């Protein structure tokens, strides 16, 4: 191998190992094999940018497509094309949402702490949205770009920060949607366009980032609207949604500590700073030290996950749980030689080839069975046709004999009459 090839392998392998240290030892073996197969398939066609060469990212696309590797690959490539066509990196780095405060006032929403598992908690008071005022201070296009920039921030900052604090991999959000007062009258054409566009973006390009959605204060008006909204949503997403009425608090408290739940939802947090709870973007991702640590762990840094978390106190972030002993990677502190890294890569390649070969063999076997069934049915049909042909031949011979006998009788009668 050339020096450049070795350097690229080391860099890519190192990045993957750092992010995987978080939950090494608790991976599902079948999932890991599918991820490796998808990864090798993308690498073979040079369609896996280093930025997206991440175990958990590939796993999200596989889960969304029921672990069908070819469908997951197609979805992944569609995501890459969308990012290029829509200039997502430019939005993430350069987009400035000057109307942020004005939008928050007529559309109360935001991240607010974490749930008991350590996931970011997102809250929307959609029943209080003043849509006409919202569209006066922003446009649908700019709001969609803002939504994308927030998704990028969640992926690059919120999840890594939460993972470091919780000492386990965090890659999904718990959301609370307060729909008090919302009904069919609020679902105008503009609202539909915005909802459909955001839903399409989240489902197709940020799949499997929703852990649980609690829709609260759902009255009769919203329940009628909900029947319409469900038509635009994936079945996997719908399975994560609970629609609750006004008696929602006990259910929320099972998932969220009261200190991370705003008082207007029944919690104890009031966020005395200007703007209240939904303007603070409260969470570990706002701690400067945590931001630096997460960038080091998931960016270009060399420190392992365990080395970073050893210096970070997570007790101050209420709602996080300590990891079990099984979740600590016992091999993360070993120095890995170049030969070991090369062997890891080769072992992964061999494993993926075996998986793909097995899948192909299974598909061929299934096709053989289908053809054998078809051949058996065809043989039976041919036998029936042969029998029918024999019957028709027999009938034709009988008819010809009758015709011959009739003709012969007529000739004899004519001869007799001529005499």
Protein backbone atom coordinates (compact mmCIF):
# COMPACT_ATOMS: atom_id res chain seq x y z
CA UNK A 1 0.00 0.00 0.00
CA UNK A 2 1.12 3.58 -0.65
CA UNK A 3 1.77 5.96 2.23
CA UNK A 4 -1.32 7.97 1.21
CA UNK A 5 -3.49 4.83 1.28
CA UNK A 6 -2.20 3.94 4.75
CA UNK A 7 -2.76 7.50 5.96
CA UNK A 8 -6.35 7.51 4.66
CA UNK A 9 -7.03 4.13 6.25
CA UNK A 10 -5.66 5.26 9.60
CA UNK A 11 -7.67 8.49 9.53
CA UNK A 12 -10.93 6.79 8.54
CA UNK A 13 -10.46 3.84 10.89
CA UNK A 14 -9.57 6.18 13.77
CA UNK A 15 -12.69 8.30 13.27
CA UNK A 16 -14.92 5.25 13.21
CA UNK A 17 -13.31 3.76 16.32
CA UNK A 18 -13.70 6.98 18.32
CA UNK A 19 -17.44 7.26 17.70
CA UNK A 20 -17.98 3.52 18.18
CA UNK A 21 -16.18 3.47 21.54
CA UNK A 22 -19.35 4.89 23.09
CA UNK A 23 -21.31 1.65 22.90
CA UNK A 24 -18.68 -0.92 21.84
CA UNK A 25 -19.53 -4.31 23.32
CA UNK A 26 -23.31 -3.79 23.12
CA UNK A 27 -23.77 -3.72 19.34
CA UNK A 28 -26.31 -6.10 17.90
CA UNK A 29 -24.26 -8.52 15.80
CA UNK A 30 -26.73 -8.66 12.91
CA UNK A 31 -27.00 -4.87 12.83
CA UNK A 32 -23.23 -4.54 12.84
CA UNK A 33 -22.92 -6.96 9.93
CA UNK A 34 -25.53 -5.03 7.95
CA UNK A 35 -23.76 -1.73 8.64
CA UNK A 36 -20.46 -3.21 7.51
CA UNK A 37 -22.08 -4.58 4.33
CA UNK A 38 -23.64 -1.21 3.51
CA UNK A 39 -20.36 0.55 4.25
CA UNK A 40 -18.35 -1.75 1.97
CA UNK A 41 -20.97 -1.44 -0.77
CA UNK A 42 -20.69 2.36 -0.67
CA UNK A 43 -16.90 2.32 -0.45
CA UNK A 44 -16.65 -0.05 -3.40
CA UNK A 45 -18.39 2.52 -5.62
CA UNK A 46 -16.60 5.47 -3.98
CA UNK A 47 -19.95 6.83 -2.69
CA UNK A 48 -19.16 7.18 1.03
CA UNK A 49 -17.72 10.61 1.88
CA UNK A 50 -15.49 10.51 4.96
CA UNK A 51 -17.81 12.94 6.74
CA UNK A 52 -20.61 10.35 6.64
CA UNK A 53 -18.49 7.25 7.27
CA UNK A 54 -20.13 6.72 10.65
CA UNK A 55 -21.52 3.50 12.12
CA UNK A 56 -24.62 5.07 13.67
CA UNK A 57 -25.47 7.23 10.69
CA UNK A 58 -25.47 4.21 8.36
CA UNK A 59 -27.46 2.25 10.96
CA UNK A 60 -30.21 4.90 10.92
CA UNK A 61 -30.71 4.48 7.17
CA UNK A 62 -30.74 0.70 7.50
CA UNK A 63 -33.35 0.82 10.25
CA UNK A 64 -35.53 3.16 8.21
CA UNK A 65 -35.47 0.67 5.33
CA UNK A 66 -35.98 -2.46 7.39
CA UNK A 67 -32.30 -3.48 6.98
CA UNK A 68 -32.70 -3.87 3.23
CA UNK A 69 -29.15 -2.95 2.22
CA UNK A 70 -29.93 -1.90 -1.35
CA UNK A 71 -32.87 0.30 -0.28
CA UNK A 72 -30.77 1.82 2.51
CA UNK A 73 -28.02 2.57 -0.02
CA UNK A 74 -30.53 4.26 -2.34
CA UNK A 75 -31.89 6.35 0.53
CA UNK A 76 -28.37 7.30 1.63
CA UNK A 77 -27.39 8.39 -1.89
CA UNK A 78 -30.61 10.42 -2.19
CA UNK A 79 -29.59 12.18 1.03
CA UNK A 80 -26.17 13.02 -0.41
CA UNK A 81 -27.74 14.40 -3.59
CA UNK A 82 -30.23 16.48 -1.61
CA UNK A 83 -27.44 17.93 0.51
CA UNK A 84 -25.54 18.92 -2.62
CA UNK A 85 -28.58 20.30 -4.47
CA UNK A 86 -29.82 22.23 -1.43
CA UNK A 87 -26.34 23.39 -0.28
CA UNK A 88 -26.92 22.01 3.20
CA UNK A 89 -23.32 22.51 4.33
CA UNK A 90 -23.58 26.19 3.41
CA UNK A 91 -26.84 26.46 5.38
CA UNK A 92 -25.24 24.80 8.41
CA UNK A 93 -22.18 27.08 8.31
CA UNK A 94 -23.42 30.39 6.93
CA UNK A 95 -27.20 30.71 7.30
CA UNK A 96 -28.18 33.56 9.63
CA UNK A 97 -31.75 33.57 10.91
CA UNK A 98 -32.07 37.21 11.90
CA UNK A 99 -35.79 36.82 12.59
CA UNK A 100 -35.12 34.12 15.23
CA UNK A 101 -36.49 36.10 18.21
CA UNK A 102 -39.52 37.33 16.27
CA UNK A 103 -40.31 33.79 15.11
CA UNK A 104 -40.00 32.44 18.64
CA UNK A 105 -42.55 34.96 19.88
CA UNK A 106 -45.25 33.88 17.41
CA UNK A 107 -44.16 30.22 17.29
CA UNK A 108 -43.00 29.06 20.77
CA UNK A 109 -40.58 26.15 20.33
CA UNK A 110 -37.12 25.04 21.33
CA UNK A 111 -34.83 22.52 23.01
CA UNK A 112 -35.04 22.38 26.78
CA UNK A 113 -32.73 20.02 28.66
CA UNK A 114 -32.72 16.26 28.33
CA UNK A 115 -35.02 13.34 29.14
CA UNK A 116 -34.18 10.66 31.71
CA UNK A 117 -32.21 8.68 29.14
CA UNK A 118 -30.08 11.71 28.28
CA UNK A 119 -31.68 12.57 24.93
CA UNK A 120 -32.32 16.21 23.94
CA UNK A 121 -35.82 17.34 24.87
CA UNK A 122 -37.65 19.40 22.26
CA UNK A 123 -40.89 21.30 23.00
CA UNK A 124 -43.37 23.02 20.67
CA UNK A 125 -46.48 24.96 21.75
CA UNK A 126 -47.99 24.68 18.30
CA UNK A 127 -51.46 25.52 19.58
CA UNK A 128 -50.19 29.07 20.28
CA UNK A 129 -48.78 29.64 16.78
CA UNK A 130 -49.90 32.87 15.11
CA UNK A 131 -49.42 31.76 11.51
CA UNK A 132 -50.33 35.07 9.88
CA UNK A 133 -47.79 36.91 12.05
CA UNK A 134 -45.22 34.14 11.48
CA UNK A 135 -45.44 34.56 7.71
CA UNK A 136 -45.05 38.32 8.14
CA UNK A 137 -41.71 37.95 9.92
CA UNK A 138 -40.35 35.01 7.89
CA UNK A 139 -41.07 32.94 4.78
CA UNK A 140 -41.67 29.22 4.38
CA UNK A 141 -38.37 28.89 2.51
CA UNK A 142 -36.38 30.66 5.22
CA UNK A 143 -38.13 28.72 7.99
CA UNK A 144 -37.27 25.44 6.22
CA UNK A 145 -33.62 26.54 6.02
CA UNK A 146 -33.74 27.41 9.71
CA UNK A 147 -35.16 23.96 10.43
CA UNK A 148 -32.32 22.35 8.45
CA UNK A 149 -29.72 24.42 10.31
CA UNK A 150 -31.22 23.25 13.62
CA UNK A 151 -31.13 19.63 12.46
CA UNK A 152 -27.48 20.03 11.53
CA UNK A 153 -26.74 21.57 14.92
CA UNK A 154 -28.50 18.68 16.63
CA UNK A 155 -26.50 16.10 14.68
CA UNK A 156 -23.12 17.82 15.07
CA UNK A 157 -23.43 19.30 18.57
CA UNK A 158 -26.48 18.31 20.61
CA UNK A 159 -26.19 14.54 20.16
CA UNK A 160 -22.40 14.39 20.72
CA UNK A 161 -22.67 16.58 23.86
CA UNK A 162 -25.51 14.47 25.24
CA UNK A 163 -23.54 11.30 24.46
CA UNK A 164 -20.54 12.51 26.44
CA UNK A 165 -22.65 13.49 29.44
CA UNK A 166 -24.76 10.29 29.41
CA UNK A 167 -21.67 8.14 28.64
CA UNK A 168 -23.65 6.26 26.00
CA UNK A 169 -24.50 6.90 22.41
CA UNK A 170 -27.35 9.39 21.96
CA UNK A 171 -28.75 9.83 18.44
CA UNK A 172 -32.43 10.64 18.87
CA UNK A 173 -34.70 13.27 20.37
CA UNK A 174 -37.68 13.17 22.72
CA UNK A 175 -40.30 15.72 21.68
CA UNK A 176 -43.40 17.22 23.29
CA UNK A 177 -46.01 18.87 21.07
CA UNK A 178 -48.62 20.95 22.90
CA UNK A 179 -51.62 21.18 20.54
CA UNK A 180 -54.06 22.92 22.87
CA UNK A 181 -56.51 24.89 20.72
CA UNK A 182 -55.27 23.39 17.44
CA UNK A 183 -57.82 22.11 14.93
CA UNK A 184 -58.71 21.92 11.25
CA UNK A 185 -59.21 25.71 11.09
CA UNK A 186 -55.53 26.25 11.93
CA UNK A 187 -54.30 23.94 9.17
CA UNK A 188 -54.25 26.41 6.29
CA UNK A 189 -52.61 25.86 2.91
CA UNK A 190 -49.40 27.54 4.11
CA UNK A 191 -49.35 25.41 7.25
CA UNK A 192 -49.83 22.27 5.14
CA UNK A 193 -46.97 23.22 2.81
CA UNK A 194 -44.64 23.85 5.74
CA UNK A 195 -45.61 20.64 7.54
CA UNK A 196 -45.25 18.45 4.44
CA UNK A 197 -41.86 19.92 3.50
CA UNK A 198 -40.41 19.56 7.01
CA UNK A 199 -41.84 16.06 7.38
CA UNK A 200 -40.27 15.04 4.05
CA UNK A 201 -36.88 16.43 5.06
CA UNK A 202 -36.89 14.76 8.48
CA UNK A 203 -38.06 11.36 7.18
CA UNK A 204 -35.87 11.17 4.09
CA UNK A 205 -32.67 12.91 5.13
CA UNK A 206 -32.54 12.69 8.95
CA UNK A 207 -34.18 9.28 9.51
CA UNK A 208 -34.60 7.62 12.89
CA UNK A 209 -33.79 10.74 14.91
CA UNK A 210 -37.10 10.73 16.79
CA UNK A 211 -37.17 8.56 19.89
CA UNK A 212 -40.62 9.49 21.20
CA UNK A 213 -43.19 12.19 20.47
CA UNK A 214 -45.82 13.09 23.06
CA UNK A 215 -48.74 15.05 21.61
CA UNK A 216 -50.55 16.59 24.59
CA UNK A 217 -53.81 18.51 25.15
CA UNK A 218 -55.30 16.81 22.08
CA UNK A 219 -58.95 17.82 21.87
CA UNK A 220 -61.64 16.78 19.41
CA UNK A 221 -60.50 19.40 16.88
CA UNK A 222 -56.94 18.10 16.80
CA UNK A 223 -58.01 14.45 16.68
CA UNK A 224 -59.92 15.22 13.47
CA UNK A 225 -56.82 16.96 12.11
CA UNK A 226 -54.62 14.07 13.22
CA UNK A 227 -56.44 11.73 10.85
CA UNK A 228 -55.26 13.97 7.98
CA UNK A 229 -51.70 14.43 9.26
CA UNK A 230 -51.09 10.69 9.66
CA UNK A 231 -51.38 10.22 5.90
CA UNK A 232 -48.10 12.13 5.40
CA UNK A 233 -46.10 10.15 7.97
CA UNK A 234 -44.04 6.95 7.86
CA UNK A 235 -45.37 3.92 9.75
CA UNK A 236 -42.15 3.75 11.83
CA UNK A 237 -42.65 7.37 12.88
CA UNK A 238 -46.29 6.85 13.82
CA UNK A 239 -45.29 3.98 16.10
CA UNK A 240 -43.25 6.46 18.19
CA UNK A 241 -46.11 8.90 18.77
CA UNK A 242 -48.48 9.00 21.75
CA UNK A 243 -51.55 11.24 21.46
CA UNK A 244 -52.65 12.33 24.95
CA UNK A 245 -55.43 14.51 26.27
CA UNK A 246 -55.21 16.84 29.25
CA UNK A 247 -54.17 14.09 31.71
CA UNK A 248 -50.68 13.77 30.24
CA UNK A 249 -48.41 14.73 33.15
CA UNK A 250 -47.81 11.28 34.67
CA UNK A 251 -46.83 9.94 31.24
CA UNK A 252 -44.39 12.81 30.66
CA UNK A 253 -42.83 12.41 34.11
CA UNK A 254 -42.02 8.79 33.29
CA UNK A 255 -39.71 10.08 30.56
CA UNK A 256 -38.61 13.53 31.80
CA UNK A 257 -37.37 14.76 35.17
CA UNK A 258 -39.57 17.63 36.52
CA UNK A 259 -36.53 19.96 36.58
CA UNK A 260 -36.20 19.62 32.80
CA UNK A 261 -39.92 20.09 32.20
CA UNK A 262 -41.15 23.71 31.83
CA UNK A 263 -43.71 24.81 34.41
CA UNK A 264 -46.36 25.42 31.73
CA UNK A 265 -46.24 21.66 31.07
CA UNK A 266 -46.43 20.75 34.75
CA UNK A 267 -42.69 20.70 35.54
CA UNK A 268 -40.66 22.84 37.91
CA UNK A 269 -38.45 24.79 35.49
CA UNK A 270 -39.22 28.48 34.97
CA UNK A 271 -36.00 29.68 33.24
CA UNK A 272 -36.00 33.20 34.71
CA UNK A 273 -33.73 34.54 31.95
CA UNK A 274 -35.24 36.73 29.21
CA UNK A 275 -37.55 34.80 26.92
CA UNK A 276 -38.45 31.94 29.25
CA UNK A 277 -37.84 28.23 28.80
CA UNK A 278 -38.22 27.96 25.03
CA UNK A 279 -35.76 30.71 24.19
CA UNK A 280 -32.82 29.36 26.20
CA UNK A 281 -31.79 26.30 24.16
CA UNK A 282 -31.03 24.74 27.54
CA UNK A 283 -28.83 21.64 27.53
CA UNK A 284 -25.27 20.31 27.83
CA UNK A 285 -24.54 21.54 24.30
CA UNK A 286 -24.49 25.15 25.58
CA UNK A 287 -21.62 24.45 28.01
CA UNK A 288 -18.38 25.74 26.37
CA UNK A 289 -16.28 22.95 27.87
CA UNK A 290 -18.76 20.37 26.63
CA UNK A 291 -18.71 21.89 23.15
CA UNK A 292 -14.92 21.66 23.03
CA UNK A 293 -14.99 18.09 24.30
CA UNK A 294 -17.62 16.95 21.81
CA UNK A 295 -15.73 18.53 18.91
CA UNK A 296 -12.58 16.75 20.02
CA UNK A 297 -14.34 13.41 20.36
CA UNK A 298 -16.32 13.50 17.14
CA UNK A 299 -14.17 15.82 15.07
CA UNK A 300 -10.45 15.68 14.47
CA UNK A 301 -9.29 15.02 18.03
CA UNK A 302 -7.26 11.98 19.12
CA UNK A 303 -8.66 11.43 22.60
CA UNK A 304 -10.82 8.36 23.16
CA UNK A 305 -14.36 8.61 24.48
CA UNK A 306 -13.40 7.12 27.84
CA UNK A 307 -10.46 9.53 28.25
CA UNK A 308 -12.75 12.49 27.59
CA UNK A 309 -15.57 11.40 29.88
CA UNK A 310 -13.12 10.70 32.68
CA UNK A 311 -12.61 14.48 33.04
CA UNK A 312 -16.23 15.56 32.59
CA UNK A 313 -18.69 15.62 35.48
CA UNK A 314 -22.17 14.62 34.39
CA UNK A 315 -23.87 14.85 37.79
CA UNK A 316 -24.81 18.48 37.16
CA UNK A 317 -27.01 17.49 34.21
CA UNK A 318 -30.11 16.04 35.84
CA UNK A 319 -31.77 13.27 33.90
CA UNK A 320 -28.63 11.44 32.77
CA UNK A 321 -27.95 7.87 33.88
CA UNK A 322 -24.63 6.19 34.54
CA UNK A 323 -23.65 3.47 32.06
CA UNK A 324 -23.59 -0.17 33.01
CA UNK A 325 -20.28 -1.99 33.22
CA UNK A 326 -21.01 -3.68 29.92
CA UNK A 327 -21.15 -0.33 28.15
CA UNK A 328 -17.52 0.56 28.97
CA UNK A 329 -15.17 -0.51 26.21
CA UNK A 330 -12.45 -2.60 27.84
CA UNK A 331 -10.21 -2.34 24.76
CA UNK A 332 -10.49 1.42 24.22
CA UNK A 333 -7.25 2.16 26.12
CA UNK A 334 -5.09 -0.27 24.09
CA UNK A 335 -2.80 1.14 21.47
CA UNK A 336 -3.64 -0.28 18.08
CA UNK A 337 -0.81 -0.87 15.65
CA UNK A 338 -1.01 -0.30 11.92
CA UNK A 339 -1.10 -4.06 11.35
CA UNK A 340 -4.06 -4.36 13.71
CA UNK A 341 -5.91 -1.56 11.92
CA UNK A 342 -5.23 -3.16 8.55
CA UNK A 343 -6.41 -6.50 9.91
CA UNK A 344 -9.61 -4.86 11.24
CA UNK A 345 -10.27 -3.42 7.82
CA UNK A 346 -9.55 -6.73 6.07
CA UNK A 347 -11.67 -8.70 8.56
CA UNK A 348 -14.53 -6.25 8.00
CA UNK A 349 -14.16 -6.64 4.22
CA UNK A 350 -14.14 -10.45 4.46
CA UNK A 351 -17.17 -10.41 6.75
CA UNK A 352 -19.12 -8.11 4.46
CA UNK A 353 -18.23 -10.24 1.43
CA UNK A 354 -19.48 -13.33 3.25
CA UNK A 355 -22.71 -11.58 4.18
CA UNK A 356 -23.29 -10.35 0.64
CA UNK A 357 -22.45 -13.79 -0.76
CA UNK A 358 -24.89 -15.40 1.66
CA UNK A 359 -27.62 -12.93 0.68
CA UNK A 360 -26.99 -13.58 -3.02
CA UNK A 361 -27.04 -17.35 -2.43
CA UNK A 362 -30.34 -17.04 -0.59
CA UNK A 363 -31.83 -14.96 -3.40
CA UNK A 364 -30.62 -17.48 -6.01
CA UNK A 365 -32.04 -20.38 -3.98
CA UNK A 366 -35.37 -18.58 -3.70
CA UNK A 367 -35.39 -17.94 -7.45
CA UNK A 368 -34.58 -21.62 -8.12
CA UNK A 369 -37.55 -22.66 -5.99
CA UNK A 370 -39.81 -20.25 -7.89
CA UNK A 371 -38.63 -21.60 -11.24
CA UNK A 372 -39.03 -25.20 -10.08
CA UNK A 373 -42.62 -24.45 -9.06
CA UNK A 374 -43.21 -22.75 -12.39
CA UNK A 375 -41.69 -25.71 -14.26
CA UNK A 376 -43.91 -28.14 -12.35
CA UNK A 377 -47.01 -26.09 -13.15
CA UNK A 378 -45.95 -25.84 -16.80
CA UNK A 379 -45.41 -29.60 -17.00
CA UNK A 380 -48.86 -30.21 -15.55
CA UNK A 381 -50.38 -27.78 -18.02
CA UNK A 382 -48.56 -29.45 -20.93
CA UNK A 383 -49.79 -32.86 -19.85
CA UNK A 384 -53.35 -31.54 -19.76
CA UNK A 385 -52.92 -30.01 -23.22
CA UNK A 386 -51.49 -33.29 -24.58
CA UNK A 387 -54.51 -35.17 -23.24
CA UNK A 388 -56.81 -32.60 -24.82
CA UNK A 389 -54.90 -32.89 -28.10
CA UNK A 390 -55.28 -36.67 -28.04
CA UNK A 391 -59.01 -36.32 -27.40
CA UNK A 392 -59.34 -33.82 -30.26
CA UNK A 393 -57.38 -36.12 -32.59
CA UNK A 394 -59.67 -39.00 -31.69
CA UNK A 395 -62.78 -36.88 -32.32
CA UNK A 396 -61.37 -35.75 -35.67
CA UNK A 397 -60.70 -39.34 -36.73
CA UNK A 398 -64.23 -40.34 -35.77
CA UNK A 399 -65.69 -37.42 -37.70
CA UNK A 400 -63.51 -38.21 -40.74
CA UNK A 401 -64.60 -41.88 -40.58
CA UNK A 402 -68.25 -40.84 -40.45
CA UNK A 403 -67.63 -38.52 -43.40
CA UNK A 404 -65.86 -41.28 -45.35
CA UNK A 405 -68.57 -43.82 -44.56
CA UNK A 406 -71.26 -41.33 -45.64
CA UNK A 407 -69.46 -40.56 -48.89
CA UNK A 408 -68.98 -44.25 -49.67
CA UNK A 409 -72.70 -44.96 -49.08
CA UNK A 410 -73.67 -42.11 -51.40
CA UNK A 411 -71.40 -43.43 -54.17
CA UNK A 412 -72.86 -46.93 -53.88
CA UNK A 413 -76.38 -45.52 -54.01
CA UNK A 414 -75.55 -43.50 -57.15
CA UNK A 415 -74.07 -46.59 -58.83
CA UNK A 416 -77.18 -48.59 -58.00
CA UNK A 417 -79.45 -45.89 -59.42
CA UNK A 418 -77.44 -45.60 -62.65
CA UNK A 419 -77.86 -49.28 -63.35
